[in-house]
Amino acid sequence: MRTNGKRMLPVLGERSLEEWIDRYEHSHQHPVNRVFHLFGIPMILVSLPLFLLAPVIRGFWKVALFCFTIGWIFQFAGHAIEGKPPEFIKDWRFLLVGTRWWISKIQRQRSNSRDGAFSAE
């Protein structure tokens, strides 16, 4: 759904996805926090389907639990360095926005790497 040229998703309420990402970006300014999130978010995301495989593959839950735990440690360590609480404490929807923020960072990194630049921002 689009309103005034901005992507609007019902779960995100009256804000556009871009507005949510901008707010998320604002609370993730410290370069170490950004790097921790670049690793922590995908570790958490990968752990979720791995938990589904755990009942089928003996002992696999350890891999899923490791990824999940280390991913969250990265998240909270980054926020400790940033000096700001995670946004999802104020609004659970930031759990979804964090994933989209991560995707935008990866896309930006790929674009920069084609141009010969690298940045944790």
PDB file of N, CA and C in Angstrom:
ATOM      1  N   MET A   1       0.841  -1.173   0.000  1.00  0.00           N
ATOM      2  CA  MET A   1       0.000   0.000   0.000  1.00  0.00           C
ATOM      3  C   MET A   1       0.892   1.244   0.000  1.00  0.00           C
ATOM      4  N   ARG A   2       0.515   2.238  -0.764  1.00  0.00           N
ATOM      5  CA  ARG A   2       1.291   3.478  -0.835  1.00  0.00           C
ATOM      6  C   ARG A   2       0.395   4.666  -0.512  1.00  0.00           C
ATOM      7  N   THR A   3       0.947   5.591   0.272  1.00  0.00           N
ATOM      8  CA  THR A   3       0.280   6.852   0.584  1.00  0.00           C
ATOM      9  C   THR A   3       1.295   7.953   0.357  1.00  0.00           C
ATOM     10  N   ASN A   4       0.947   8.929  -0.464  1.00  0.00           N
ATOM     11  CA  ASN A   4       1.854  10.035  -0.781  1.00  0.00           C
ATOM     12  C   ASN A   4       3.206   9.533  -1.275  1.00  0.00           C
ATOM     13  N   GLY A   5       3.204   8.445  -2.030  1.00  0.00           N
ATOM     14  CA  GLY A   5       4.431   7.912  -2.595  1.00  0.00           C
ATOM     15  C   GLY A   5       5.279   7.112  -1.620  1.00  0.00           C
ATOM     16  N   LYS A   6       4.807   6.912  -0.386  1.00  0.00           N
ATOM     17  CA  LYS A   6       5.563   6.163   0.616  1.00  0.00           C
ATOM     18  C   LYS A   6       4.899   4.816   0.855  1.00  0.00           C
ATOM     19  N   ARG A   7       5.743   3.811   1.125  1.00  0.00           N
ATOM     20  CA  ARG A   7       5.226   2.476   1.411  1.00  0.00           C
ATOM     21  C   ARG A   7       4.610   2.450   2.797  1.00  0.00           C
ATOM     22  N   MET A   8       3.355   2.026   2.867  1.00  0.00           N
ATOM     23  CA  MET A   8       2.646   1.925   4.138  1.00  0.00           C
ATOM     24  C   MET A   8       2.223   0.473   4.331  1.00  0.00           C
ATOM     25  N   LEU A   9       2.553  -0.084   5.476  1.00  0.00           N
ATOM     26  CA  LEU A   9       2.143  -1.435   5.816  1.00  0.00           C
ATOM     27  C   LEU A   9       1.207  -1.346   7.011  1.00  0.00           C
ATOM     28  N   PRO A  10       0.093  -2.063   6.996  1.00  0.00           N
ATOM     29  CA  PRO A  10      -0.871  -1.950   8.098  1.00  0.00           C
ATOM     30  C   PRO A  10      -0.247  -2.170   9.475  1.00  0.00           C
ATOM     31  N   VAL A  11       0.665  -3.111   9.601  1.00  0.00           N
ATOM     32  CA  VAL A  11       1.273  -3.400  10.899  1.00  0.00           C
ATOM     33  C   VAL A  11       2.119  -2.229  11.403  1.00  0.00           C
ATOM     34  N   LEU A  12       2.553  -1.360  10.505  1.00  0.00           N
ATOM     35  CA  LEU A  12       3.398  -0.230  10.889  1.00  0.00           C
ATOM     36  C   LEU A  12       2.599   1.023  11.244  1.00  0.00           C
ATOM     37  N   GLY A  13       1.297   0.930  11.199  1.00  0.00           N
ATOM     38  CA  GLY A  13       0.463   2.062  11.599  1.00  0.00           C
ATOM     39  C   GLY A  13       0.522   3.203  10.606  1.00  0.00           C
ATOM     40  N   GLU A  14       0.557   4.409  11.134  1.00  0.00           N
ATOM     41  CA  GLU A  14       0.486   5.615  10.309  1.00  0.00           C
ATOM     42  C   GLU A  14       1.819   6.047   9.721  1.00  0.00           C
ATOM     43  N   ARG A  15       2.913   5.397  10.108  1.00  0.00           N
ATOM     44  CA  ARG A  15       4.231   5.764   9.583  1.00  0.00           C
ATOM     45  C   ARG A  15       4.573   4.913   8.366  1.00  0.00           C
ATOM     46  N   SER A  16       5.319   5.514   7.457  1.00  0.00           N
ATOM     47  CA  SER A  16       5.806   4.754   6.309  1.00  0.00           C
ATOM     48  C   SER A  16       6.993   3.907   6.756  1.00  0.00           C
ATOM     49  N   LEU A  17       7.327   2.899   5.970  1.00  0.00           N
ATOM     50  CA  LEU A  17       8.482   2.060   6.270  1.00  0.00           C
ATOM     51  C   LEU A  17       9.744   2.913   6.333  1.00  0.00           C
ATOM     52  N   GLU A  18       9.864   3.890   5.453  1.00  0.00           N
ATOM     53  CA  GLU A  18      11.023   4.774   5.449  1.00  0.00           C
ATOM     54  C   GLU A  18      11.133   5.558   6.759  1.00  0.00           C
ATOM     55  N   GLU A  19       9.997   6.014   7.289  1.00  0.00           N
ATOM     56  CA  GLU A  19      10.009   6.743   8.559  1.00  0.00           C
ATOM     57  C   GLU A  19      10.453   5.842   9.708  1.00  0.00           C
ATOM     58  N   TRP A  20       9.998   4.587   9.707  1.00  0.00           N
ATOM     59  CA  TRP A  20      10.414   3.637  10.730  1.00  0.00           C
ATOM     60  C   TRP A  20      11.922   3.391  10.640  1.00  0.00           C
ATOM     61  N   ILE A  21      12.425   3.199   9.428  1.00  0.00           N
ATOM     62  CA  ILE A  21      13.858   2.944   9.251  1.00  0.00           C
ATOM     63  C   ILE A  21      14.674   4.159   9.671  1.00  0.00           C
ATOM     64  N   ASP A  22      14.202   5.359   9.341  1.00  0.00           N
ATOM     65  CA  ASP A  22      14.901   6.585   9.761  1.00  0.00           C
ATOM     66  C   ASP A  22      14.994   6.673  11.287  1.00  0.00           C
ATOM     67  N   ARG A  23      13.903   6.343  11.966  1.00  0.00           N
ATOM     68  CA  ARG A  23      13.908   6.383  13.427  1.00  0.00           C
ATOM     69  C   ARG A  23      14.863   5.319  13.976  1.00  0.00           C
ATOM     70  N   TYR A  24      14.834   4.146  13.388  1.00  0.00           N
ATOM     71  CA  TYR A  24      15.740   3.073  13.797  1.00  0.00           C
ATOM     72  C   TYR A  24      17.183   3.504  13.586  1.00  0.00           C
ATOM     73  N   GLU A  25      17.444   4.093  12.435  1.00  0.00           N
ATOM     74  CA  GLU A  25      18.785   4.580  12.093  1.00  0.00           C
ATOM     75  C   GLU A  25      19.276   5.604  13.118  1.00  0.00           C
ATOM     76  N   HIS A  26      18.375   6.469  13.567  1.00  0.00           N
ATOM     77  CA  HIS A  26      18.729   7.516  14.530  1.00  0.00           C
ATOM     78  C   HIS A  26      19.236   6.932  15.848  1.00  0.00           C
ATOM     79  N   SER A  27      18.721   5.779  16.239  1.00  0.00           N
ATOM     80  CA  SER A  27      19.160   5.183  17.513  1.00  0.00           C
ATOM     81  C   SER A  27      20.316   4.203  17.330  1.00  0.00           C
ATOM     82  N   HIS A  28      20.875   4.174  16.140  1.00  0.00           N
ATOM     83  CA  HIS A  28      22.006   3.293  15.841  1.00  0.00           C
ATOM     84  C   HIS A  28      23.104   4.100  15.142  1.00  0.00           C
ATOM     85  N   GLN A  29      23.671   5.053  15.862  1.00  0.00           N
ATOM     86  CA  GLN A  29      24.661   5.954  15.282  1.00  0.00           C
ATOM     87  C   GLN A  29      26.106   5.518  15.509  1.00  0.00           C
ATOM     88  N   HIS A  30      26.373   4.864  16.633  1.00  0.00           N
ATOM     89  CA  HIS A  30      27.749   4.484  16.961  1.00  0.00           C
ATOM     90  C   HIS A  30      28.224   3.402  15.990  1.00  0.00           C
ATOM     91  N   PRO A  31      29.413   3.572  15.400  1.00  0.00           N
ATOM     92  CA  PRO A  31      29.889   2.596  14.407  1.00  0.00           C
ATOM     93  C   PRO A  31      30.020   1.174  14.949  1.00  0.00           C
ATOM     94  N   VAL A  32      30.386   1.018  16.222  1.00  0.00           N
ATOM     95  CA  VAL A  32      30.491  -0.336  16.794  1.00  0.00           C
ATOM     96  C   VAL A  32      29.103  -0.957  16.922  1.00  0.00           C
ATOM     97  N   ASN A  33      28.128  -0.159  17.341  1.00  0.00           N
ATOM     98  CA  ASN A  33      26.754  -0.657  17.423  1.00  0.00           C
ATOM     99  C   ASN A  33      26.271  -1.110  16.046  1.00  0.00           C
ATOM    100  N   ARG A  34      26.578  -0.338  15.038  1.00  0.00           N
ATOM    101  CA  ARG A  34      26.160  -0.701  13.679  1.00  0.00           C
ATOM    102  C   ARG A  34      26.793  -2.018  13.235  1.00  0.00           C
ATOM    103  N   VAL A  35      28.074  -2.188  13.502  1.00  0.00           N
ATOM    104  CA  VAL A  35      28.753  -3.433  13.131  1.00  0.00           C
ATOM    105  C   VAL A  35      28.158  -4.599  13.908  1.00  0.00           C
ATOM    106  N   PHE A  36      27.938  -4.411  15.212  1.00  0.00           N
ATOM    107  CA  PHE A  36      27.337  -5.485  16.006  1.00  0.00           C
ATOM    108  C   PHE A  36      25.959  -5.864  15.456  1.00  0.00           C
ATOM    109  N   HIS A  37      25.199  -4.882  15.025  1.00  0.00           N
ATOM    110  CA  HIS A  37      23.884  -5.168  14.453  1.00  0.00           C
ATOM    111  C   HIS A  37      24.001  -5.846  13.083  1.00  0.00           C
ATOM    112  N   LEU A  38      25.010  -5.469  12.315  1.00  0.00           N
ATOM    113  CA  LEU A  38      25.199  -6.109  11.007  1.00  0.00           C
ATOM    114  C   LEU A  38      25.470  -7.605  11.157  1.00  0.00           C
ATOM    115  N   PHE A  39      26.053  -8.018  12.280  1.00  0.00           N
ATOM    116  CA  PHE A  39      26.282  -9.444  12.542  1.00  0.00           C
ATOM    117  C   PHE A  39      25.152 -10.057  13.374  1.00  0.00           C
ATOM    118  N   GLY A  40      24.673  -9.318  14.373  1.00  0.00           N
ATOM    119  CA  GLY A  40      23.672  -9.859  15.291  1.00  0.00           C
ATOM    120  C   GLY A  40      22.330 -10.138  14.649  1.00  0.00           C
ATOM    121  N   ILE A  41      21.846  -9.219  13.825  1.00  0.00           N
ATOM    122  CA  ILE A  41      20.533  -9.395  13.204  1.00  0.00           C
ATOM    123  C   ILE A  41      20.486 -10.654  12.336  1.00  0.00           C
ATOM    124  N   PRO A  42      21.450 -10.878  11.431  1.00  0.00           N
ATOM    125  CA  PRO A  42      21.354 -12.105  10.631  1.00  0.00           C
ATOM    126  C   PRO A  42      21.533 -13.378  11.463  1.00  0.00           C
ATOM    127  N   MET A  43      22.312 -13.314  12.535  1.00  0.00           N
ATOM    128  CA  MET A  43      22.450 -14.505  13.382  1.00  0.00           C
ATOM    129  C   MET A  43      21.104 -14.874  13.998  1.00  0.00           C
ATOM    130  N   ILE A  44      20.366 -13.884  14.446  1.00  0.00           N
ATOM    131  CA  ILE A  44      19.042 -14.140  15.016  1.00  0.00           C
ATOM    132  C   ILE A  44      18.105 -14.663  13.933  1.00  0.00           C
ATOM    133  N   LEU A  45      18.129 -14.023  12.767  1.00  0.00           N
ATOM    134  CA  LEU A  45      17.249 -14.450  11.670  1.00  0.00           C
ATOM    135  C   LEU A  45      17.535 -15.876  11.231  1.00  0.00           C
ATOM    136  N   VAL A  46      18.798 -16.235  11.124  1.00  0.00           N
ATOM    137  CA  VAL A  46      19.169 -17.592  10.709  1.00  0.00           C
ATOM    138  C   VAL A  46      18.770 -18.605  11.772  1.00  0.00           C
ATOM    139  N   SER A  47      18.840 -18.217  13.028  1.00  0.00           N
ATOM    140  CA  SER A  47      18.522 -19.159  14.104  1.00  0.00           C
ATOM    141  C   SER A  47      17.062 -19.605  14.080  1.00  0.00           C
ATOM    142  N   LEU A  48      16.159 -18.766  13.623  1.00  0.00           N
ATOM    143  CA  LEU A  48      14.735 -19.101  13.673  1.00  0.00           C
ATOM    144  C   LEU A  48      14.390 -20.327  12.837  1.00  0.00           C
ATOM    145  N   PRO A  49      14.767 -20.388  11.552  1.00  0.00           N
ATOM    146  CA  PRO A  49      14.490 -21.634  10.819  1.00  0.00           C
ATOM    147  C   PRO A  49      15.322 -22.815  11.322  1.00  0.00           C
ATOM    148  N   LEU A  50      16.492 -22.522  11.882  1.00  0.00           N
ATOM    149  CA  LEU A  50      17.311 -23.609  12.430  1.00  0.00           C
ATOM    150  C   LEU A  50      16.603 -24.284  13.603  1.00  0.00           C
ATOM    151  N   PHE A  51      15.872 -23.510  14.397  1.00  0.00           N
ATOM    152  CA  PHE A  51      15.102 -24.099  15.490  1.00  0.00           C
ATOM    153  C   PHE A  51      14.048 -25.069  14.944  1.00  0.00           C
ATOM    154  N   LEU A  52      13.527 -24.780  13.757  1.00  0.00           N
ATOM    155  CA  LEU A  52      12.539 -25.686  13.153  1.00  0.00           C
ATOM    156  C   LEU A  52      13.176 -27.012  12.731  1.00  0.00           C
ATOM    157  N   LEU A  53      14.452 -26.980  12.382  1.00  0.00           N
ATOM    158  CA  LEU A  53      15.162 -28.208  12.005  1.00  0.00           C
ATOM    159  C   LEU A  53      15.608 -29.015  13.212  1.00  0.00           C
ATOM    160  N   ALA A  54      15.686 -28.387  14.353  1.00  0.00           N
ATOM    161  CA  ALA A  54      16.219 -29.026  15.555  1.00  0.00           C
ATOM    162  C   ALA A  54      15.517 -30.338  15.921  1.00  0.00           C
ATOM    163  N   PRO A  55      14.191 -30.431  15.824  1.00  0.00           N
ATOM    164  CA  PRO A  55      13.565 -31.710  16.161  1.00  0.00           C
ATOM    165  C   PRO A  55      13.907 -32.843  15.178  1.00  0.00           C
ATOM    166  N   VAL A  56      14.292 -32.482  13.978  1.00  0.00           N
ATOM    167  CA  VAL A  56      14.583 -33.472  12.945  1.00  0.00           C
ATOM    168  C   VAL A  56      16.038 -33.933  12.992  1.00  0.00           C
ATOM    169  N   ILE A  57      16.934 -33.020  13.315  1.00  0.00           N
ATOM    170  CA  ILE A  57      18.374 -33.316  13.337  1.00  0.00           C
ATOM    171  C   ILE A  57      18.844 -33.314  14.791  1.00  0.00           C
ATOM    172  N   ARG A  58      19.259 -34.456  15.236  1.00  0.00           N
ATOM    173  CA  ARG A  58      19.660 -34.624  16.643  1.00  0.00           C
ATOM    174  C   ARG A  58      20.786 -33.646  17.020  1.00  0.00           C
ATOM    175  N   GLY A  59      20.580 -32.942  18.113  1.00  0.00           N
ATOM    176  CA  GLY A  59      21.584 -32.026  18.633  1.00  0.00           C
ATOM    177  C   GLY A  59      21.672 -30.692  17.904  1.00  0.00           C
ATOM    178  N   PHE A  60      20.858 -30.506  16.873  1.00  0.00           N
ATOM    179  CA  PHE A  60      20.932 -29.286  16.066  1.00  0.00           C
ATOM    180  C   PHE A  60      20.443 -28.056  16.819  1.00  0.00           C
ATOM    181  N   TRP A  61      19.670 -28.263  17.854  1.00  0.00           N
ATOM    182  CA  TRP A  61      19.171 -27.131  18.638  1.00  0.00           C
ATOM    183  C   TRP A  61      20.321 -26.313  19.213  1.00  0.00           C
ATOM    184  N   LYS A  62      21.472 -26.971  19.431  1.00  0.00           N
ATOM    185  CA  LYS A  62      22.626 -26.256  19.983  1.00  0.00           C
ATOM    186  C   LYS A  62      23.123 -25.181  19.011  1.00  0.00           C
ATOM    187  N   VAL A  63      23.112 -25.508  17.721  1.00  0.00           N
ATOM    188  CA  VAL A  63      23.531 -24.541  16.702  1.00  0.00           C
ATOM    189  C   VAL A  63      22.561 -23.365  16.674  1.00  0.00           C
ATOM    190  N   ALA A  64      21.268 -23.696  16.668  1.00  0.00           N
ATOM    191  CA  ALA A  64      20.245 -22.642  16.641  1.00  0.00           C
ATOM    192  C   ALA A  64      20.336 -21.774  17.889  1.00  0.00           C
ATOM    193  N   LEU A  65      20.477 -22.399  19.042  1.00  0.00           N
ATOM    194  CA  LEU A  65      20.561 -21.646  20.289  1.00  0.00           C
ATOM    195  C   LEU A  65      21.813 -20.784  20.334  1.00  0.00           C
ATOM    196  N   PHE A  66      22.926 -21.306  19.836  1.00  0.00           N
ATOM    197  CA  PHE A  66      24.164 -20.535  19.786  1.00  0.00           C
ATOM    198  C   PHE A  66      23.977 -19.276  18.935  1.00  0.00           C
ATOM    199  N   CYS A  67      23.459 -19.435  17.725  1.00  0.00           N
ATOM    200  CA  CYS A  67      23.248 -18.284  16.829  1.00  0.00           C
ATOM    201  C   CYS A  67      22.299 -17.263  17.457  1.00  0.00           C
ATOM    202  N   PHE A  68      21.206 -17.755  18.029  1.00  0.00           N
ATOM    203  CA  PHE A  68      20.215 -16.876  18.643  1.00  0.00           C
ATOM    204  C   PHE A  68      20.827 -16.090  19.802  1.00  0.00           C
ATOM    205  N   THR A  69      21.538 -16.786  20.672  1.00  0.00           N
ATOM    206  CA  THR A  69      22.117 -16.156  21.863  1.00  0.00           C
ATOM    207  C   THR A  69      23.209 -15.159  21.499  1.00  0.00           C
ATOM    208  N   ILE A  70      24.124 -15.559  20.643  1.00  0.00           N
ATOM    209  CA  ILE A  70      25.219 -14.656  20.256  1.00  0.00           C
ATOM    210  C   ILE A  70      24.663 -13.446  19.502  1.00  0.00           C
ATOM    211  N   GLY A  71      23.660 -13.673  18.666  1.00  0.00           N
ATOM    212  CA  GLY A  71      23.031 -12.558  17.947  1.00  0.00           C
ATOM    213  C   GLY A  71      22.470 -11.520  18.898  1.00  0.00           C
ATOM    214  N   TRP A  72      21.765 -11.989  19.941  1.00  0.00           N
ATOM    215  CA  TRP A  72      21.202 -11.044  20.910  1.00  0.00           C
ATOM    216  C   TRP A  72      22.285 -10.402  21.766  1.00  0.00           C
ATOM    217  N   ILE A  73      23.356 -11.141  22.065  1.00  0.00           N
ATOM    218  CA  ILE A  73      24.468 -10.538  22.801  1.00  0.00           C
ATOM    219  C   ILE A  73      25.056  -9.382  21.990  1.00  0.00           C
ATOM    220  N   PHE A  74      25.239  -9.595  20.683  1.00  0.00           N
ATOM    221  CA  PHE A  74      25.724  -8.511  19.825  1.00  0.00           C
ATOM    222  C   PHE A  74      24.775  -7.312  19.888  1.00  0.00           C
ATOM    223  N   GLN A  75      23.468  -7.571  19.818  1.00  0.00           N
ATOM    224  CA  GLN A  75      22.491  -6.483  19.841  1.00  0.00           C
ATOM    225  C   GLN A  75      22.609  -5.657  21.119  1.00  0.00           C
ATOM    226  N   PHE A  76      22.573  -6.337  22.267  1.00  0.00           N
ATOM    227  CA  PHE A  76      22.587  -5.619  23.536  1.00  0.00           C
ATOM    228  C   PHE A  76      23.943  -4.995  23.829  1.00  0.00           C
ATOM    229  N   ALA A  77      25.028  -5.640  23.431  1.00  0.00           N
ATOM    230  CA  ALA A  77      26.363  -5.046  23.602  1.00  0.00           C
ATOM    231  C   ALA A  77      26.457  -3.764  22.777  1.00  0.00           C
ATOM    232  N   GLY A  78      25.939  -3.796  21.564  1.00  0.00           N
ATOM    233  CA  GLY A  78      25.944  -2.599  20.726  1.00  0.00           C
ATOM    234  C   GLY A  78      25.184  -1.454  21.365  1.00  0.00           C
ATOM    235  N   HIS A  79      24.034  -1.775  21.959  1.00  0.00           N
ATOM    236  CA  HIS A  79      23.252  -0.722  22.604  1.00  0.00           C
ATOM    237  C   HIS A  79      23.909  -0.223  23.877  1.00  0.00           C
ATOM    238  N   ALA A  80      24.640  -1.093  24.565  1.00  0.00           N
ATOM    239  CA  ALA A  80      25.389  -0.641  25.744  1.00  0.00           C
ATOM    240  C   ALA A  80      26.454   0.371  25.314  1.00  0.00           C
ATOM    241  N   ILE A  81      27.122   0.096  24.210  1.00  0.00           N
ATOM    242  CA  ILE A  81      28.135   1.027  23.683  1.00  0.00           C
ATOM    243  C   ILE A  81      27.474   2.317  23.200  1.00  0.00           C
ATOM    244  N   GLU A  82      26.333   2.183  22.535  1.00  0.00           N
ATOM    245  CA  GLU A  82      25.591   3.340  22.017  1.00  0.00           C
ATOM    246  C   GLU A  82      25.055   4.206  23.166  1.00  0.00           C
ATOM    247  N   GLY A  83      24.724   3.553  24.275  1.00  0.00           N
ATOM    248  CA  GLY A  83      24.151   4.283  25.406  1.00  0.00           C
ATOM    249  C   GLY A  83      22.671   4.536  25.264  1.00  0.00           C
ATOM    250  N   LYS A  84      22.012   3.768  24.398  1.00  0.00           N
ATOM    251  CA  LYS A  84      20.572   3.905  24.182  1.00  0.00           C
ATOM    252  C   LYS A  84      19.933   2.528  24.253  1.00  0.00           C
ATOM    253  N   PRO A  85      18.718   2.444  24.790  1.00  0.00           N
ATOM    254  CA  PRO A  85      18.046   1.143  24.824  1.00  0.00           C
ATOM    255  C   PRO A  85      17.582   0.752  23.416  1.00  0.00           C
ATOM    256  N   PRO A  86      17.407  -0.542  23.179  1.00  0.00           N
ATOM    257  CA  PRO A  86      16.875  -0.960  21.880  1.00  0.00           C
ATOM    258  C   PRO A  86      15.489  -0.359  21.650  1.00  0.00           C
ATOM    259  N   GLU A  87      15.215   0.015  20.420  1.00  0.00           N
ATOM    260  CA  GLU A  87      13.927   0.634  20.084  1.00  0.00           C
ATOM    261  C   GLU A  87      12.749  -0.301  20.333  1.00  0.00           C
ATOM    262  N   PHE A  88      12.957  -1.622  20.205  1.00  0.00           N
ATOM    263  CA  PHE A  88      11.834  -2.544  20.358  1.00  0.00           C
ATOM    264  C   PHE A  88      11.297  -2.575  21.790  1.00  0.00           C
ATOM    265  N   ILE A  89      12.049  -2.039  22.737  1.00  0.00           N
ATOM    266  CA  ILE A  89      11.541  -1.956  24.112  1.00  0.00           C
ATOM    267  C   ILE A  89      10.381  -0.968  24.167  1.00  0.00           C
ATOM    268  N   LYS A  90      10.457   0.071  23.349  1.00  0.00           N
ATOM    269  CA  LYS A  90       9.379   1.063  23.277  1.00  0.00           C
ATOM    270  C   LYS A  90       8.239   0.589  22.378  1.00  0.00           C
ATOM    271  N   ASP A  91       8.582  -0.132  21.306  1.00  0.00           N
ATOM    272  CA  ASP A  91       7.574  -0.556  20.330  1.00  0.00           C
ATOM    273  C   ASP A  91       8.059  -1.844  19.659  1.00  0.00           C
ATOM    274  N   TRP A  92       7.321  -2.942  19.833  1.00  0.00           N
ATOM    275  CA  TRP A  92       7.716  -4.250  19.319  1.00  0.00           C
ATOM    276  C   TRP A  92       7.918  -4.256  17.808  1.00  0.00           C
ATOM    277  N   ARG A  93       7.294  -3.327  17.108  1.00  0.00           N
ATOM    278  CA  ARG A  93       7.403  -3.318  15.646  1.00  0.00           C
ATOM    279  C   ARG A  93       8.827  -3.054  15.170  1.00  0.00           C
ATOM    280  N   PHE A  94       9.669  -2.496  16.050  1.00  0.00           N
ATOM    281  CA  PHE A  94      11.065  -2.291  15.667  1.00  0.00           C
ATOM    282  C   PHE A  94      11.804  -3.610  15.471  1.00  0.00           C
ATOM    283  N   LEU A  95      11.267  -4.711  16.009  1.00  0.00           N
ATOM    284  CA  LEU A  95      11.861  -6.021  15.718  1.00  0.00           C
ATOM    285  C   LEU A  95      11.779  -6.317  14.221  1.00  0.00           C
ATOM    286  N   LEU A  96      10.703  -5.899  13.601  1.00  0.00           N
ATOM    287  CA  LEU A  96      10.533  -6.078  12.152  1.00  0.00           C
ATOM    288  C   LEU A  96      11.353  -5.055  11.375  1.00  0.00           C
ATOM    289  N   VAL A  97      11.393  -3.837  11.875  1.00  0.00           N
ATOM    290  CA  VAL A  97      12.114  -2.760  11.203  1.00  0.00           C
ATOM    291  C   VAL A  97      13.609  -3.040  11.195  1.00  0.00           C
ATOM    292  N   GLY A  98      14.119  -3.639  12.264  1.00  0.00           N
ATOM    293  CA  GLY A  98      15.545  -3.956  12.341  1.00  0.00           C
ATOM    294  C   GLY A  98      15.994  -4.839  11.181  1.00  0.00           C
ATOM    295  N   THR A  99      15.153  -5.785  10.829  1.00  0.00           N
ATOM    296  CA  THR A  99      15.474  -6.658   9.697  1.00  0.00           C
ATOM    297  C   THR A  99      15.548  -5.856   8.406  1.00  0.00           C
ATOM    298  N   ARG A 100      14.609  -4.963   8.203  1.00  0.00           N
ATOM    299  CA  ARG A 100      14.601  -4.144   6.980  1.00  0.00           C
ATOM    300  C   ARG A 100      15.789  -3.187   6.966  1.00  0.00           C
ATOM    301  N   TRP A 101      16.160  -2.664   8.134  1.00  0.00           N
ATOM    302  CA  TRP A 101      17.337  -1.801   8.244  1.00  0.00           C
ATOM    303  C   TRP A 101      18.582  -2.575   7.829  1.00  0.00           C
ATOM    304  N   TRP A 102      18.699  -3.811   8.329  1.00  0.00           N
ATOM    305  CA  TRP A 102      19.853  -4.658   7.995  1.00  0.00           C
ATOM    306  C   TRP A 102      19.930  -4.880   6.480  1.00  0.00           C
ATOM    307  N   ILE A 103      18.800  -5.185   5.865  1.00  0.00           N
ATOM    308  CA  ILE A 103      18.770  -5.397   4.405  1.00  0.00           C
ATOM    309  C   ILE A 103      19.238  -4.137   3.687  1.00  0.00           C
ATOM    310  N   SER A 104      18.787  -2.968   4.142  1.00  0.00           N
ATOM    311  CA  SER A 104      19.198  -1.720   3.478  1.00  0.00           C
ATOM    312  C   SER A 104      20.701  -1.499   3.632  1.00  0.00           C
ATOM    313  N   LYS A 105      21.261  -1.870   4.791  1.00  0.00           N
ATOM    314  CA  LYS A 105      22.710  -1.725   4.997  1.00  0.00           C
ATOM    315  C   LYS A 105      23.486  -2.648   4.064  1.00  0.00           C
ATOM    316  N   ILE A 106      23.034  -3.878   3.926  1.00  0.00           N
ATOM    317  CA  ILE A 106      23.706  -4.834   3.042  1.00  0.00           C
ATOM    318  C   ILE A 106      23.626  -4.348   1.595  1.00  0.00           C
ATOM    319  N   GLN A 107      22.467  -3.860   1.197  1.00  0.00           N
ATOM    320  CA  GLN A 107      22.328  -3.327  -0.159  1.00  0.00           C
ATOM    321  C   GLN A 107      23.267  -2.147  -0.382  1.00  0.00           C
ATOM    322  N   ARG A 108      23.386  -1.279   0.611  1.00  0.00           N
ATOM    323  CA  ARG A 108      24.269  -0.125   0.503  1.00  0.00           C
ATOM    324  C   ARG A 108      25.732  -0.571   0.423  1.00  0.00           C
ATOM    325  N   GLN A 109      26.104  -1.594   1.226  1.00  0.00           N
ATOM    326  CA  GLN A 109      27.474  -2.111   1.194  1.00  0.00           C
ATOM    327  C   GLN A 109      27.808  -2.677  -0.183  1.00  0.00           C
ATOM    328  N   ARG A 110      26.869  -3.408  -0.751  1.00  0.00           N
ATOM    329  CA  ARG A 110      27.102  -3.969  -2.084  1.00  0.00           C
ATOM    330  C   ARG A 110      27.282  -2.873  -3.115  1.00  0.00           C
ATOM    331  N   SER A 111      26.468  -1.845  -2.999  1.00  0.00           N
ATOM    332  CA  SER A 111      26.575  -0.718  -3.917  1.00  0.00           C
ATOM    333  C   SER A 111      27.920  -0.017  -3.746  1.00  0.00           C
ATOM    334  N   ASN A 112      28.325   0.196  -2.485  1.00  0.00           N
ATOM    335  CA  ASN A 112      29.610   0.846  -2.217  1.00  0.00           C
ATOM    336  C   ASN A 112      30.778  -0.004  -2.675  1.00  0.00           C
ATOM    337  N   SER A 113      30.676  -1.328  -2.504  1.00  0.00           N
ATOM    338  CA  SER A 113      31.789  -2.195  -2.899  1.00  0.00           C
ATOM    339  C   SER A 113      31.976  -2.176  -4.417  1.00  0.00           C
ATOM    340  N   ARG A 114      30.898  -1.999  -5.145  1.00  0.00           N
ATOM    341  CA  ARG A 114      31.022  -1.854  -6.599  1.00  0.00           C
ATOM    342  C   ARG A 114      31.724  -0.552  -6.957  1.00  0.00           C
ATOM    343  N   ASP A 115      31.564   0.456  -6.075  1.00  0.00           N
ATOM    344  CA  ASP A 115      32.196   1.758  -6.291  1.00  0.00           C
ATOM    345  C   ASP A 115      33.587   1.818  -5.665  1.00  0.00           C
ATOM    346  N   GLY A 116      34.002   0.744  -4.979  1.00  0.00           N
ATOM    347  CA  GLY A 116      35.321   0.701  -4.359  1.00  0.00           C
ATOM    348  C   GLY A 116      35.391   1.278  -2.964  1.00  0.00           C
ATOM    349  N   ALA A 117      34.242   1.507  -2.325  1.00  0.00           N
ATOM    350  CA  ALA A 117      34.218   2.079  -0.972  1.00  0.00           C
ATOM    351  C   ALA A 117      33.674   1.050   0.017  1.00  0.00           C
ATOM    352  N   PHE A 118      34.070   1.192   1.297  1.00  0.00           N
ATOM    353  CA  PHE A 118      33.540   0.355   2.356  1.00  0.00           C
ATOM    354  C   PHE A 118      33.288   1.235   3.567  1.00  0.00           C
ATOM    355  N   SER A 119      32.165   0.972   4.237  1.00  0.00           N
ATOM    356  CA  SER A 119      31.816   1.750   5.418  1.00  0.00           C
ATOM    357  C   SER A 119      30.892   0.944   6.310  1.00  0.00           C
ATOM    358  N   ALA A 120      31.037   1.078   7.629  1.00  0.00           N
ATOM    359  CA  ALA A 120      30.139   0.425   8.582  1.00  0.00           C
ATOM    360  C   ALA A 120      28.855   1.229   8.742  1.00  0.00           C
ATOM    361  N   GLU A 121      28.754   2.349   8.101  1.00  0.00           N
ATOM    362  CA  GLU A 121      27.573   3.199   8.223  1.00  0.00           C
ATOM    363  C   GLU A 121      26.592   2.772   7.257  1.00  0.00           C
TER     364      GLU A 121
END
